[in-house]
Structure formats: C-alpha cells, structure tokens
C-alpha cells in the first residue's frame, strides 16, 4: 500500500494515510492489523470502494464516503465490529479510529484529496 496524506482546502488534515487501491489490499483492508491511531492521525483510503464491513474486526471504525471527485457524500461514526455500511454513489471510502469524524469536523460536500507523501 502507498502512504500519503489527505488534504482539505489546501491544508493537510490527516498526516498518515495508506491507500488500498489493488484488489488484494482493499480485500485485506484493516483485517488483522492494529487499530489506527486516534485523533485522525492515521487512516486507510480504499479506492475504488463504496461499501465496507467490519466482519472479523476487533475494534469499531469511523467511515467517510467520497465521490469520484473527492467530495464527502456521507459518514458513519463508531461502526461496531460485524457491521456493514455503504454509499451507492461513493467511489472512495476512508476508514479511521473512532472519534475522527468529530475531530475533523467533517461536513458533507467538502473536498478531500489523497496525495502521495513527498519522497515516498
């Protein structure tokens, strides 16, 4: 998986974001991995992806759905293990530790961009 950052309105908002953009990396996702750091310091960006599950997870997630252009369509907070969430129009999904949606004060319609980390 590639590592980068997420930018909103020209400002970096998430400093460490793994991008899962192959079939294998999307399928594996966060399964069997340690929980992401709190306070929106880490995330997993899945592309393309319009649905996620927490089946087999040991911890809850905050989830953000983005359209093809990176606009926030919807979000779900504190999704417990063994649940599914989807957004039909989404093209990208970003997963966080619980509390990230509130910490980032996410608004529907805002624009996000994943950028490869400089020097990566």
PDB file of N, CA and C in Angstrom:
ATOM      1  N   UNK A   1       0.845  -1.180   0.000  1.00  0.00           N
ATOM      2  CA  UNK A   1       0.000   0.000   0.000  1.00  0.00           C
ATOM      3  C   UNK A   1       0.890   1.242   0.000  1.00  0.00           C
ATOM      4  N   UNK A   2       0.433   2.248  -0.741  1.00  0.00           N
ATOM      5  CA  UNK A   2       1.129   3.528  -0.778  1.00  0.00           C
ATOM      6  C   UNK A   2       0.763   4.336   0.454  1.00  0.00           C
ATOM      7  N   UNK A   3       1.673   5.204   0.885  1.00  0.00           N
ATOM      8  CA  UNK A   3       1.420   6.069   2.030  1.00  0.00           C
ATOM      9  C   UNK A   3       1.394   7.515   1.559  1.00  0.00           C
ATOM     10  N   UNK A   4       0.440   8.266   2.085  1.00  0.00           N
ATOM     11  CA  UNK A   4       0.333   9.671   1.727  1.00  0.00           C
ATOM     12  C   UNK A   4      -0.367  10.447   2.816  1.00  0.00           C
ATOM     13  N   UNK A   5      -0.958  11.565   2.415  1.00  0.00           N
ATOM     14  CA  UNK A   5      -1.677  12.445   3.333  1.00  0.00           C
ATOM     15  C   UNK A   5      -3.017  12.788   2.689  1.00  0.00           C
ATOM     16  N   UNK A   6      -3.946  13.283   3.491  1.00  0.00           N
ATOM     17  CA  UNK A   6      -5.198  13.808   2.958  1.00  0.00           C
ATOM     18  C   UNK A   6      -5.190  15.313   3.174  1.00  0.00           C
ATOM     19  N   UNK A   7      -5.560  16.022   2.094  1.00  0.00           N
ATOM     20  CA  UNK A   7      -5.587  17.479   2.087  1.00  0.00           C
ATOM     21  C   UNK A   7      -7.029  17.948   1.915  1.00  0.00           C
ATOM     22  N   UNK A   8      -7.402  18.961   2.691  1.00  0.00           N
ATOM     23  CA  UNK A   8      -8.722  19.592   2.591  1.00  0.00           C
ATOM     24  C   UNK A   8      -8.487  21.097   2.522  1.00  0.00           C
ATOM     25  N   UNK A   9      -9.024  21.726   1.500  1.00  0.00           N
ATOM     26  CA  UNK A   9      -8.870  23.177   1.321  1.00  0.00           C
ATOM     27  C   UNK A   9      -7.400  23.593   1.364  1.00  0.00           C
ATOM     28  N   UNK A  10      -6.539  22.799   0.735  1.00  0.00           N
ATOM     29  CA  UNK A  10      -5.122  23.131   0.655  1.00  0.00           C
ATOM     30  C   UNK A  10      -4.325  22.871   1.918  1.00  0.00           C
ATOM     31  N   UNK A  11      -4.958  22.284   2.930  1.00  0.00           N
ATOM     32  CA  UNK A  11      -4.293  22.050   4.208  1.00  0.00           C
ATOM     33  C   UNK A  11      -4.308  20.557   4.552  1.00  0.00           C
ATOM     34  N   UNK A  12      -3.182  20.039   4.951  1.00  0.00           N
ATOM     35  CA  UNK A  12      -3.096  18.629   5.352  1.00  0.00           C
ATOM     36  C   UNK A  12      -3.913  18.417   6.613  1.00  0.00           C
ATOM     37  N   UNK A  13      -4.843  17.439   6.549  1.00  0.00           N
ATOM     38  CA  UNK A  13      -5.671  17.164   7.729  1.00  0.00           C
ATOM     39  C   UNK A  13      -5.405  15.787   8.330  1.00  0.00           C
ATOM     40  N   UNK A  14      -4.874  14.875   7.524  1.00  0.00           N
ATOM     41  CA  UNK A  14      -4.567  13.537   8.031  1.00  0.00           C
ATOM     42  C   UNK A  14      -3.136  13.222   7.605  1.00  0.00           C
ATOM     43  N   UNK A  15      -2.204  13.100   8.557  1.00  0.00           N
ATOM     44  CA  UNK A  15      -0.786  13.006   8.210  1.00  0.00           C
ATOM     45  C   UNK A  15      -0.293  11.638   7.725  1.00  0.00           C
ATOM     46  N   UNK A  16      -1.012  10.572   7.989  1.00  0.00           N
ATOM     47  CA  UNK A  16      -0.549   9.251   7.566  1.00  0.00           C
ATOM     48  C   UNK A  16      -1.744   8.445   7.057  1.00  0.00           C
ATOM     49  N   UNK A  17      -1.788   8.272   5.719  1.00  0.00           N
ATOM     50  CA  UNK A  17      -2.924   7.603   5.093  1.00  0.00           C
ATOM     51  C   UNK A  17      -2.412   6.549   4.129  1.00  0.00           C
ATOM     52  N   UNK A  18      -2.778   5.307   4.395  1.00  0.00           N
ATOM     53  CA  UNK A  18      -2.438   4.216   3.483  1.00  0.00           C
ATOM     54  C   UNK A  18      -3.504   4.163   2.405  1.00  0.00           C
ATOM     55  N   UNK A  19      -3.096   3.962   1.163  1.00  0.00           N
ATOM     56  CA  UNK A  19      -4.046   3.880   0.044  1.00  0.00           C
ATOM     57  C   UNK A  19      -4.098   2.438  -0.440  1.00  0.00           C
ATOM     58  N   UNK A  20      -5.262   1.838  -0.294  1.00  0.00           N
ATOM     59  CA  UNK A  20      -5.502   0.467  -0.755  1.00  0.00           C
ATOM     60  C   UNK A  20      -6.218   0.564  -2.087  1.00  0.00           C
ATOM     61  N   UNK A  21      -5.475   0.367  -3.182  1.00  0.00           N
ATOM     62  CA  UNK A  21      -6.091   0.520  -4.497  1.00  0.00           C
ATOM     63  C   UNK A  21      -5.901  -0.693  -5.398  1.00  0.00           C
ATOM     64  N   UNK A  22      -5.488  -1.796  -4.815  1.00  0.00           N
ATOM     65  CA  UNK A  22      -5.461  -3.066  -5.551  1.00  0.00           C
ATOM     66  C   UNK A  22      -6.527  -3.975  -4.948  1.00  0.00           C
ATOM     67  N   UNK A  23      -6.934  -4.975  -5.696  1.00  0.00           N
ATOM     68  CA  UNK A  23      -7.966  -5.885  -5.195  1.00  0.00           C
ATOM     69  C   UNK A  23      -7.545  -6.518  -3.872  1.00  0.00           C
ATOM     70  N   UNK A  24      -6.304  -6.965  -3.789  1.00  0.00           N
ATOM     71  CA  UNK A  24      -5.825  -7.617  -2.565  1.00  0.00           C
ATOM     72  C   UNK A  24      -5.783  -6.645  -1.388  1.00  0.00           C
ATOM     73  N   UNK A  25      -5.229  -5.443  -1.584  1.00  0.00           N
ATOM     74  CA  UNK A  25      -5.106  -4.506  -0.468  1.00  0.00           C
ATOM     75  C   UNK A  25      -6.483  -4.033   0.010  1.00  0.00           C
ATOM     76  N   UNK A  26      -7.437  -3.877  -0.898  1.00  0.00           N
ATOM     77  CA  UNK A  26      -8.799  -3.500  -0.486  1.00  0.00           C
ATOM     78  C   UNK A  26      -9.458  -4.642   0.281  1.00  0.00           C
ATOM     79  N   UNK A  27      -9.285  -5.870  -0.212  1.00  0.00           N
ATOM     80  CA  UNK A  27      -9.904  -7.019   0.448  1.00  0.00           C
ATOM     81  C   UNK A  27      -9.326  -7.195   1.855  1.00  0.00           C
ATOM     82  N   UNK A  28      -8.036  -7.032   2.009  1.00  0.00           N
ATOM     83  CA  UNK A  28      -7.391  -7.191   3.311  1.00  0.00           C
ATOM     84  C   UNK A  28      -7.745  -6.039   4.231  1.00  0.00           C
ATOM     85  N   UNK A  29      -7.703  -4.814   3.697  1.00  0.00           N
ATOM     86  CA  UNK A  29      -8.061  -3.643   4.494  1.00  0.00           C
ATOM     87  C   UNK A  29      -7.339  -3.611   5.824  1.00  0.00           C
ATOM     88  N   UNK A  30      -8.101  -3.459   6.898  1.00  0.00           N
ATOM     89  CA  UNK A  30      -7.527  -3.402   8.245  1.00  0.00           C
ATOM     90  C   UNK A  30      -7.613  -4.733   8.985  1.00  0.00           C
ATOM     91  N   UNK A  31      -8.117  -5.778   8.317  1.00  0.00           N
ATOM     92  CA  UNK A  31      -8.242  -7.079   8.980  1.00  0.00           C
ATOM     93  C   UNK A  31      -6.888  -7.577   9.465  1.00  0.00           C
ATOM     94  N   UNK A  32      -6.836  -7.947  10.714  1.00  0.00           N
ATOM     95  CA  UNK A  32      -5.612  -8.478  11.305  1.00  0.00           C
ATOM     96  C   UNK A  32      -4.557  -7.425  11.587  1.00  0.00           C
ATOM     97  N   UNK A  33      -4.893  -6.176  11.434  1.00  0.00           N
ATOM     98  CA  UNK A  33      -3.936  -5.087  11.690  1.00  0.00           C
ATOM     99  C   UNK A  33      -4.311  -4.384  12.991  1.00  0.00           C
ATOM    100  N   UNK A  34      -3.337  -3.732  13.616  1.00  0.00           N
ATOM    101  CA  UNK A  34      -3.653  -2.991  14.841  1.00  0.00           C
ATOM    102  C   UNK A  34      -4.562  -1.805  14.537  1.00  0.00           C
ATOM    103  N   UNK A  35      -5.268  -1.341  15.552  1.00  0.00           N
ATOM    104  CA  UNK A  35      -6.174  -0.209  15.389  1.00  0.00           C
ATOM    105  C   UNK A  35      -5.395   1.020  14.951  1.00  0.00           C
ATOM    106  N   UNK A  36      -6.012   1.829  14.112  1.00  0.00           N
ATOM    107  CA  UNK A  36      -5.404   3.076  13.669  1.00  0.00           C
ATOM    108  C   UNK A  36      -5.277   4.043  14.838  1.00  0.00           C
ATOM    109  N   UNK A  37      -4.338   4.974  14.729  1.00  0.00           N
ATOM    110  CA  UNK A  37      -4.133   5.975  15.772  1.00  0.00           C
ATOM    111  C   UNK A  37      -5.369   6.862  15.909  1.00  0.00           C
ATOM    112  N   UNK A  38      -5.627   7.292  17.121  1.00  0.00           N
ATOM    113  CA  UNK A  38      -6.771   8.156  17.406  1.00  0.00           C
ATOM    114  C   UNK A  38      -6.516   9.573  16.896  1.00  0.00           C
ATOM    115  N   UNK A  39      -7.529  10.412  17.016  1.00  0.00           N
ATOM    116  CA  UNK A  39      -7.462  11.831  16.654  1.00  0.00           C
ATOM    117  C   UNK A  39      -7.187  12.064  15.175  1.00  0.00           C
ATOM    118  N   UNK A  40      -7.615  11.139  14.322  1.00  0.00           N
ATOM    119  CA  UNK A  40      -7.476  11.274  12.864  1.00  0.00           C
ATOM    120  C   UNK A  40      -6.025  11.421  12.434  1.00  0.00           C
ATOM    121  N   UNK A  41      -5.111  10.781  13.143  1.00  0.00           N
ATOM    122  CA  UNK A  41      -3.696  10.832  12.755  1.00  0.00           C
ATOM    123  C   UNK A  41      -3.357   9.809  11.684  1.00  0.00           C
ATOM    124  N   UNK A  42      -4.200   8.773  11.552  1.00  0.00           N
ATOM    125  CA  UNK A  42      -3.988   7.727  10.552  1.00  0.00           C
ATOM    126  C   UNK A  42      -5.329   7.359   9.929  1.00  0.00           C
ATOM    127  N   UNK A  43      -5.261   6.868   8.677  1.00  0.00           N
ATOM    128  CA  UNK A  43      -6.478   6.420   8.007  1.00  0.00           C
ATOM    129  C   UNK A  43      -6.107   5.424   6.915  1.00  0.00           C
ATOM    130  N   UNK A  44      -7.119   4.721   6.434  1.00  0.00           N
ATOM    131  CA  UNK A  44      -6.984   3.837   5.271  1.00  0.00           C
ATOM    132  C   UNK A  44      -7.949   4.334   4.216  1.00  0.00           C
ATOM    133  N   UNK A  45      -7.412   4.673   3.021  1.00  0.00           N
ATOM    134  CA  UNK A  45      -8.204   5.176   1.883  1.00  0.00           C
ATOM    135  C   UNK A  45      -8.366   4.020   0.917  1.00  0.00           C
ATOM    136  N   UNK A  46      -9.593   3.575   0.700  1.00  0.00           N
ATOM    137  CA  UNK A  46      -9.892   2.453  -0.196  1.00  0.00           C
ATOM    138  C   UNK A  46     -10.457   2.992  -1.517  1.00  0.00           C
ATOM    139  N   UNK A  47      -9.856   2.583  -2.625  1.00  0.00           N
ATOM    140  CA  UNK A  47     -10.300   3.077  -3.941  1.00  0.00           C
ATOM    141  C   UNK A  47     -10.111   2.012  -5.005  1.00  0.00           C
ATOM    142  N   UNK A  48     -11.099   1.729  -5.820  1.00  0.00           N
ATOM    143  CA  UNK A  48     -12.477   2.177  -5.672  1.00  0.00           C
ATOM    144  C   UNK A  48     -13.180   1.368  -4.584  1.00  0.00           C
ATOM    145  N   UNK A  49     -14.126   2.008  -3.912  1.00  0.00           N
ATOM    146  CA  UNK A  49     -14.842   1.325  -2.828  1.00  0.00           C
ATOM    147  C   UNK A  49     -16.069   2.141  -2.448  1.00  0.00           C
ATOM    148  N   UNK A  50     -17.235   1.491  -2.434  1.00  0.00           N
ATOM    149  CA  UNK A  50     -18.443   2.179  -1.972  1.00  0.00           C
ATOM    150  C   UNK A  50     -19.129   1.443  -0.819  1.00  0.00           C
ATOM    151  N   UNK A  51     -18.479   0.377  -0.311  1.00  0.00           N
ATOM    152  CA  UNK A  51     -19.049  -0.339   0.837  1.00  0.00           C
ATOM    153  C   UNK A  51     -17.928  -0.982   1.632  1.00  0.00           C
ATOM    154  N   UNK A  52     -18.141  -1.080   2.929  1.00  0.00           N
ATOM    155  CA  UNK A  52     -17.154  -1.692   3.812  1.00  0.00           C
ATOM    156  C   UNK A  52     -17.872  -2.572   4.827  1.00  0.00           C
ATOM    157  N   UNK A  53     -17.103  -3.458   5.420  1.00  0.00           N
ATOM    158  CA  UNK A  53     -17.638  -4.282   6.507  1.00  0.00           C
ATOM    159  C   UNK A  53     -16.624  -4.309   7.638  1.00  0.00           C
ATOM    160  N   UNK A  54     -17.128  -4.589   8.812  1.00  0.00           N
ATOM    161  CA  UNK A  54     -16.249  -4.740   9.973  1.00  0.00           C
ATOM    162  C   UNK A  54     -16.310  -6.176  10.486  1.00  0.00           C
ATOM    163  N   UNK A  55     -16.657  -7.092   9.601  1.00  0.00           N
ATOM    164  CA  UNK A  55     -16.715  -8.511   9.959  1.00  0.00           C
ATOM    165  C   UNK A  55     -15.308  -8.989  10.266  1.00  0.00           C
ATOM    166  N   UNK A  56     -15.134  -9.567  11.438  1.00  0.00           N
ATOM    167  CA  UNK A  56     -13.832 -10.052  11.852  1.00  0.00           C
ATOM    168  C   UNK A  56     -12.951  -8.992  12.511  1.00  0.00           C
ATOM    169  N   UNK A  57     -13.438  -7.766  12.574  1.00  0.00           N
ATOM    170  CA  UNK A  57     -12.669  -6.696  13.211  1.00  0.00           C
ATOM    171  C   UNK A  57     -12.797  -6.807  14.727  1.00  0.00           C
ATOM    172  N   UNK A  58     -11.781  -6.306  15.424  1.00  0.00           N
ATOM    173  CA  UNK A  58     -11.794  -6.319  16.886  1.00  0.00           C
ATOM    174  C   UNK A  58     -12.091  -4.942  17.472  1.00  0.00           C
ATOM    175  N   UNK A  59     -12.285  -3.962  16.593  1.00  0.00           N
ATOM    176  CA  UNK A  59     -12.486  -2.594  17.061  1.00  0.00           C
ATOM    177  C   UNK A  59     -13.424  -1.850  16.099  1.00  0.00           C
ATOM    178  N   UNK A  60     -14.097  -0.804  16.591  1.00  0.00           N
ATOM    179  CA  UNK A  60     -15.002  -0.023  15.733  1.00  0.00           C
ATOM    180  C   UNK A  60     -14.231   0.944  14.834  1.00  0.00           C
ATOM    181  N   UNK A  61     -14.930   1.497  13.840  1.00  0.00           N
ATOM    182  CA  UNK A  61     -14.333   2.434  12.892  1.00  0.00           C
ATOM    183  C   UNK A  61     -15.260   3.623  12.651  1.00  0.00           C
ATOM    184  N   UNK A  62     -14.665   4.755  12.314  1.00  0.00           N
ATOM    185  CA  UNK A  62     -15.391   5.853  11.681  1.00  0.00           C
ATOM    186  C   UNK A  62     -15.143   5.710  10.192  1.00  0.00           C
ATOM    187  N   UNK A  63     -16.149   5.966   9.369  1.00  0.00           N
ATOM    188  CA  UNK A  63     -16.057   5.749   7.920  1.00  0.00           C
ATOM    189  C   UNK A  63     -16.561   6.991   7.194  1.00  0.00           C
ATOM    190  N   UNK A  64     -15.817   7.396   6.159  1.00  0.00           N
ATOM    191  CA  UNK A  64     -16.210   8.540   5.332  1.00  0.00           C
ATOM    192  C   UNK A  64     -16.291   8.074   3.881  1.00  0.00           C
ATOM    193  N   UNK A  65     -17.400   8.409   3.215  1.00  0.00           N
ATOM    194  CA  UNK A  65     -17.598   8.054   1.811  1.00  0.00           C
ATOM    195  C   UNK A  65     -17.410   9.288   0.944  1.00  0.00           C
ATOM    196  N   UNK A  66     -16.638   9.139  -0.137  1.00  0.00           N
ATOM    197  CA  UNK A  66     -16.339  10.235  -1.051  1.00  0.00           C
ATOM    198  C   UNK A  66     -16.778   9.881  -2.462  1.00  0.00           C
ATOM    199  N   UNK A  67     -17.143  10.892  -3.255  1.00  0.00           N
ATOM    200  CA  UNK A  67     -17.477  10.635  -4.653  1.00  0.00           C
ATOM    201  C   UNK A  67     -16.200  10.570  -5.491  1.00  0.00           C
ATOM    202  N   UNK A  68     -16.357  10.407  -6.792  1.00  0.00           N
ATOM    203  CA  UNK A  68     -15.219  10.282  -7.713  1.00  0.00           C
ATOM    204  C   UNK A  68     -14.270  11.483  -7.616  1.00  0.00           C
ATOM    205  N   UNK A  69     -14.816  12.660  -7.364  1.00  0.00           N
ATOM    206  CA  UNK A  69     -14.009  13.873  -7.285  1.00  0.00           C
ATOM    207  C   UNK A  69     -13.442  14.156  -5.902  1.00  0.00           C
ATOM    208  N   UNK A  70     -13.775  13.319  -4.911  1.00  0.00           N
ATOM    209  CA  UNK A  70     -13.253  13.505  -3.557  1.00  0.00           C
ATOM    210  C   UNK A  70     -14.158  14.292  -2.630  1.00  0.00           C
ATOM    211  N   UNK A  71     -15.387  14.557  -3.046  1.00  0.00           N
ATOM    212  CA  UNK A  71     -16.323  15.272  -2.176  1.00  0.00           C
ATOM    213  C   UNK A  71     -16.946  14.309  -1.172  1.00  0.00           C
ATOM    214  N   UNK A  72     -17.066  14.755   0.064  1.00  0.00           N
ATOM    215  CA  UNK A  72     -17.673  13.942   1.114  1.00  0.00           C
ATOM    216  C   UNK A  72     -19.162  13.806   0.841  1.00  0.00           C
ATOM    217  N   UNK A  73     -19.608  12.555   0.708  1.00  0.00           N
ATOM    218  CA  UNK A  73     -21.028  12.250   0.472  1.00  0.00           C
ATOM    219  C   UNK A  73     -21.761  11.909   1.760  1.00  0.00           C
ATOM    220  N   UNK A  74     -21.070  11.165   2.635  1.00  0.00           N
ATOM    221  CA  UNK A  74     -21.701  10.674   3.859  1.00  0.00           C
ATOM    222  C   UNK A  74     -20.601  10.192   4.790  1.00  0.00           C
ATOM    223  N   UNK A  75     -20.953   9.964   6.042  1.00  0.00           N
ATOM    224  CA  UNK A  75     -20.029   9.389   7.002  1.00  0.00           C
ATOM    225  C   UNK A  75     -20.801   8.616   8.058  1.00  0.00           C
ATOM    226  N   UNK A  76     -20.123   7.687   8.687  1.00  0.00           N
ATOM    227  CA  UNK A  76     -20.693   6.858   9.755  1.00  0.00           C
ATOM    228  C   UNK A  76     -19.705   6.866  10.913  1.00  0.00           C
ATOM    229  N   UNK A  77     -20.203   7.113  12.095  1.00  0.00           N
ATOM    230  CA  UNK A  77     -19.340   7.169  13.262  1.00  0.00           C
ATOM    231  C   UNK A  77     -19.475   5.911  14.112  1.00  0.00           C
ATOM    232  N   UNK A  78     -18.341   5.461  14.644  1.00  0.00           N
ATOM    233  CA  UNK A  78     -18.296   4.374  15.619  1.00  0.00           C
ATOM    234  C   UNK A  78     -19.046   3.124  15.148  1.00  0.00           C
ATOM    235  N   UNK A  79     -18.692   2.649  13.952  1.00  0.00           N
ATOM    236  CA  UNK A  79     -19.318   1.443  13.395  1.00  0.00           C
ATOM    237  C   UNK A  79     -18.723   0.231  14.114  1.00  0.00           C
ATOM    238  N   UNK A  80     -19.558  -0.492  14.818  1.00  0.00           N
ATOM    239  CA  UNK A  80     -19.125  -1.646  15.615  1.00  0.00           C
ATOM    240  C   UNK A  80     -18.657  -2.802  14.732  1.00  0.00           C
ATOM    241  N   UNK A  81     -17.845  -3.699  15.309  1.00  0.00           N
ATOM    242  CA  UNK A  81     -17.487  -4.917  14.571  1.00  0.00           C
ATOM    243  C   UNK A  81     -18.730  -5.696  14.146  1.00  0.00           C
ATOM    244  N   UNK A  82     -18.599  -6.420  13.049  1.00  0.00           N
ATOM    245  CA  UNK A  82     -19.638  -7.271  12.482  1.00  0.00           C
ATOM    246  C   UNK A  82     -20.798  -6.476  11.886  1.00  0.00           C
ATOM    247  N   UNK A  83     -20.482  -5.316  11.299  1.00  0.00           N
ATOM    248  CA  UNK A  83     -21.484  -4.478  10.636  1.00  0.00           C
ATOM    249  C   UNK A  83     -21.056  -4.193   9.198  1.00  0.00           C
ATOM    250  N   UNK A  84     -21.989  -3.691   8.394  1.00  0.00           N
ATOM    251  CA  UNK A  84     -21.695  -3.272   7.019  1.00  0.00           C
ATOM    252  C   UNK A  84     -22.244  -1.865   6.824  1.00  0.00           C
ATOM    253  N   UNK A  85     -21.553  -1.065   6.002  1.00  0.00           N
ATOM    254  CA  UNK A  85     -22.017   0.261   5.631  1.00  0.00           C
ATOM    255  C   UNK A  85     -21.710   0.480   4.154  1.00  0.00           C
ATOM    256  N   UNK A  86     -22.577   1.222   3.468  1.00  0.00           N
ATOM    257  CA  UNK A  86     -22.343   1.504   2.055  1.00  0.00           C
ATOM    258  C   UNK A  86     -22.948   2.851   1.691  1.00  0.00           C
ATOM    259  N   UNK A  87     -22.477   3.353   0.554  1.00  0.00           N
ATOM    260  CA  UNK A  87     -22.994   4.585  -0.029  1.00  0.00           C
ATOM    261  C   UNK A  87     -22.942   4.375  -1.538  1.00  0.00           C
ATOM    262  N   UNK A  88     -24.085   4.197  -2.139  1.00  0.00           N
ATOM    263  CA  UNK A  88     -24.180   3.813  -3.550  1.00  0.00           C
ATOM    264  C   UNK A  88     -23.350   4.713  -4.469  1.00  0.00           C
ATOM    265  N   UNK A  89     -23.370   6.019  -4.254  1.00  0.00           N
ATOM    266  CA  UNK A  89     -22.687   6.960  -5.142  1.00  0.00           C
ATOM    267  C   UNK A  89     -21.189   7.108  -4.840  1.00  0.00           C
ATOM    268  N   UNK A  90     -20.701   6.481  -3.776  1.00  0.00           N
ATOM    269  CA  UNK A  90     -19.295   6.647  -3.390  1.00  0.00           C
ATOM    270  C   UNK A  90     -18.352   5.954  -4.359  1.00  0.00           C
ATOM    271  N   UNK A  91     -17.178   6.517  -4.483  1.00  0.00           N
ATOM    272  CA  UNK A  91     -16.091   5.928  -5.275  1.00  0.00           C
ATOM    273  C   UNK A  91     -14.889   5.610  -4.378  1.00  0.00           C
ATOM    274  N   UNK A  92     -14.798   6.307  -3.245  1.00  0.00           N
ATOM    275  CA  UNK A  92     -13.706   6.124  -2.291  1.00  0.00           C
ATOM    276  C   UNK A  92     -14.299   6.018  -0.890  1.00  0.00           C
ATOM    277  N   UNK A  93     -13.628   5.261  -0.035  1.00  0.00           N
ATOM    278  CA  UNK A  93     -14.028   5.139   1.358  1.00  0.00           C
ATOM    279  C   UNK A  93     -12.784   5.309   2.216  1.00  0.00           C
ATOM    280  N   UNK A  94     -12.912   6.073   3.291  1.00  0.00           N
ATOM    281  CA  UNK A  94     -11.790   6.306   4.197  1.00  0.00           C
ATOM    282  C   UNK A  94     -12.186   5.800   5.579  1.00  0.00           C
ATOM    283  N   UNK A  95     -11.326   4.970   6.163  1.00  0.00           N
ATOM    284  CA  UNK A  95     -11.589   4.381   7.481  1.00  0.00           C
ATOM    285  C   UNK A  95     -10.641   4.982   8.518  1.00  0.00           C
ATOM    286  N   UNK A  96     -11.191   5.235   9.718  1.00  0.00           N
ATOM    287  CA  UNK A  96     -10.448   5.848  10.815  1.00  0.00           C
ATOM    288  C   UNK A  96     -10.755   5.134  12.125  1.00  0.00           C
ATOM    289  N   UNK A  97      -9.947   5.431  13.140  1.00  0.00           N
ATOM    290  CA  UNK A  97     -10.289   5.057  14.511  1.00  0.00           C
ATOM    291  C   UNK A  97     -11.497   5.895  14.926  1.00  0.00           C
ATOM    292  N   UNK A  98     -12.311   5.399  15.841  1.00  0.00           N
ATOM    293  CA  UNK A  98     -13.478   6.157  16.297  1.00  0.00           C
ATOM    294  C   UNK A  98     -13.077   7.536  16.821  1.00  0.00           C
ATOM    295  N   UNK A  99     -13.943   8.507  16.565  1.00  0.00           N
ATOM    296  CA  UNK A  99     -13.701   9.871  17.025  1.00  0.00           C
ATOM    297  C   UNK A  99     -13.122  10.778  15.956  1.00  0.00           C
ATOM    298  N   UNK A 100     -12.681  10.203  14.840  1.00  0.00           N
ATOM    299  CA  UNK A 100     -12.050  11.000  13.782  1.00  0.00           C
ATOM    300  C   UNK A 100     -13.040  11.942  13.112  1.00  0.00           C
ATOM    301  N   UNK A 101     -14.253  11.475  12.853  1.00  0.00           N
ATOM    302  CA  UNK A 101     -15.247  12.324  12.188  1.00  0.00           C
ATOM    303  C   UNK A 101     -15.479  13.587  13.020  1.00  0.00           C
ATOM    304  N   UNK A 102     -15.643  13.427  14.311  1.00  0.00           N
ATOM    305  CA  UNK A 102     -15.849  14.589  15.185  1.00  0.00           C
ATOM    306  C   UNK A 102     -14.594  15.451  15.255  1.00  0.00           C
ATOM    307  N   UNK A 103     -13.432  14.822  15.380  1.00  0.00           N
ATOM    308  CA  UNK A 103     -12.181  15.580  15.489  1.00  0.00           C
ATOM    309  C   UNK A 103     -11.911  16.425  14.246  1.00  0.00           C
ATOM    310  N   UNK A 104     -12.304  15.922  13.074  1.00  0.00           N
ATOM    311  CA  UNK A 104     -12.077  16.642  11.828  1.00  0.00           C
ATOM    312  C   UNK A 104     -13.215  17.607  11.481  1.00  0.00           C
ATOM    313  N   UNK A 105     -14.298  17.567  12.241  1.00  0.00           N
ATOM    314  CA  UNK A 105     -15.462  18.414  11.982  1.00  0.00           C
ATOM    315  C   UNK A 105     -15.859  18.328  10.504  1.00  0.00           C
ATOM    316  N   UNK A 106     -16.055  17.103  10.042  1.00  0.00           N
ATOM    317  CA  UNK A 106     -16.349  16.841   8.630  1.00  0.00           C
ATOM    318  C   UNK A 106     -17.713  17.397   8.250  1.00  0.00           C
ATOM    319  N   UNK A 107     -17.771  17.986   7.049  1.00  0.00           N
ATOM    320  CA  UNK A 107     -19.024  18.499   6.515  1.00  0.00           C
ATOM    321  C   UNK A 107     -19.300  17.839   5.162  1.00  0.00           C
ATOM    322  N   UNK A 108     -20.549  17.465   4.940  1.00  0.00           N
ATOM    323  CA  UNK A 108     -20.953  16.914   3.647  1.00  0.00           C
ATOM    324  C   UNK A 108     -20.635  17.946   2.563  1.00  0.00           C
ATOM    325  N   UNK A 109     -20.018  17.474   1.475  1.00  0.00           N
ATOM    326  CA  UNK A 109     -19.699  18.347   0.356  1.00  0.00           C
ATOM    327  C   UNK A 109     -18.288  18.890   0.336  1.00  0.00           C
ATOM    328  N   UNK A 110     -17.572  18.804   1.460  1.00  0.00           N
ATOM    329  CA  UNK A 110     -16.194  19.311   1.433  1.00  0.00           C
ATOM    330  C   UNK A 110     -15.327  18.411   0.564  1.00  0.00           C
ATOM    331  N   UNK A 111     -14.250  18.960   0.034  1.00  0.00           N
ATOM    332  CA  UNK A 111     -13.395  18.266  -0.920  1.00  0.00           C
ATOM    333  C   UNK A 111     -12.132  17.754  -0.240  1.00  0.00           C
ATOM    334  N   UNK A 112     -11.866  16.450  -0.426  1.00  0.00           N
ATOM    335  CA  UNK A 112     -10.649  15.824   0.091  1.00  0.00           C
ATOM    336  C   UNK A 112      -9.802  15.349  -1.080  1.00  0.00           C
ATOM    337  N   UNK A 113      -8.494  15.346  -0.865  1.00  0.00           N
ATOM    338  CA  UNK A 113      -7.572  14.831  -1.876  1.00  0.00           C
ATOM    339  C   UNK A 113      -6.497  14.001  -1.191  1.00  0.00           C
ATOM    340  N   UNK A 114      -6.275  12.795  -1.702  1.00  0.00           N
ATOM    341  CA  UNK A 114      -5.159  11.972  -1.227  1.00  0.00           C
ATOM    342  C   UNK A 114      -3.943  12.362  -2.030  1.00  0.00           C
ATOM    343  N   UNK A 115      -2.821  12.626  -1.353  1.00  0.00           N
ATOM    344  CA  UNK A 115      -1.573  12.970  -2.030  1.00  0.00           C
ATOM    345  C   UNK A 115      -0.484  12.056  -1.525  1.00  0.00           C
ATOM    346  N   UNK A 116       0.326  11.540  -2.467  1.00  0.00           N
ATOM    347  CA  UNK A 116       1.456  10.710  -2.079  1.00  0.00           C
ATOM    348  C   UNK A 116       2.392  11.533  -1.210  1.00  0.00           C
ATOM    349  N   UNK A 117       2.980  10.894  -0.238  1.00  0.00           N
ATOM    350  CA  UNK A 117       3.909  11.578   0.654  1.00  0.00           C
ATOM    351  C   UNK A 117       5.158  11.969  -0.125  1.00  0.00           C
ATOM    352  N   UNK A 118       5.614  13.158   0.069  1.00  0.00           N
ATOM    353  CA  UNK A 118       6.828  13.622  -0.592  1.00  0.00           C
ATOM    354  C   UNK A 118       7.996  12.710  -0.262  1.00  0.00           C
ATOM    355  N   UNK A 119       8.726  12.303  -1.293  1.00  0.00           N
ATOM    356  CA  UNK A 119       9.868  11.425  -1.102  1.00  0.00           C
ATOM    357  C   UNK A 119       9.519   9.964  -0.995  1.00  0.00           C
ATOM    358  N   UNK A 120       8.224   9.632  -1.080  1.00  0.00           N
ATOM    359  CA  UNK A 120       7.800   8.231  -0.964  1.00  0.00           C
ATOM    360  C   UNK A 120       7.871   7.522  -2.292  1.00  0.00           C
TER     361      UNK A 120
END
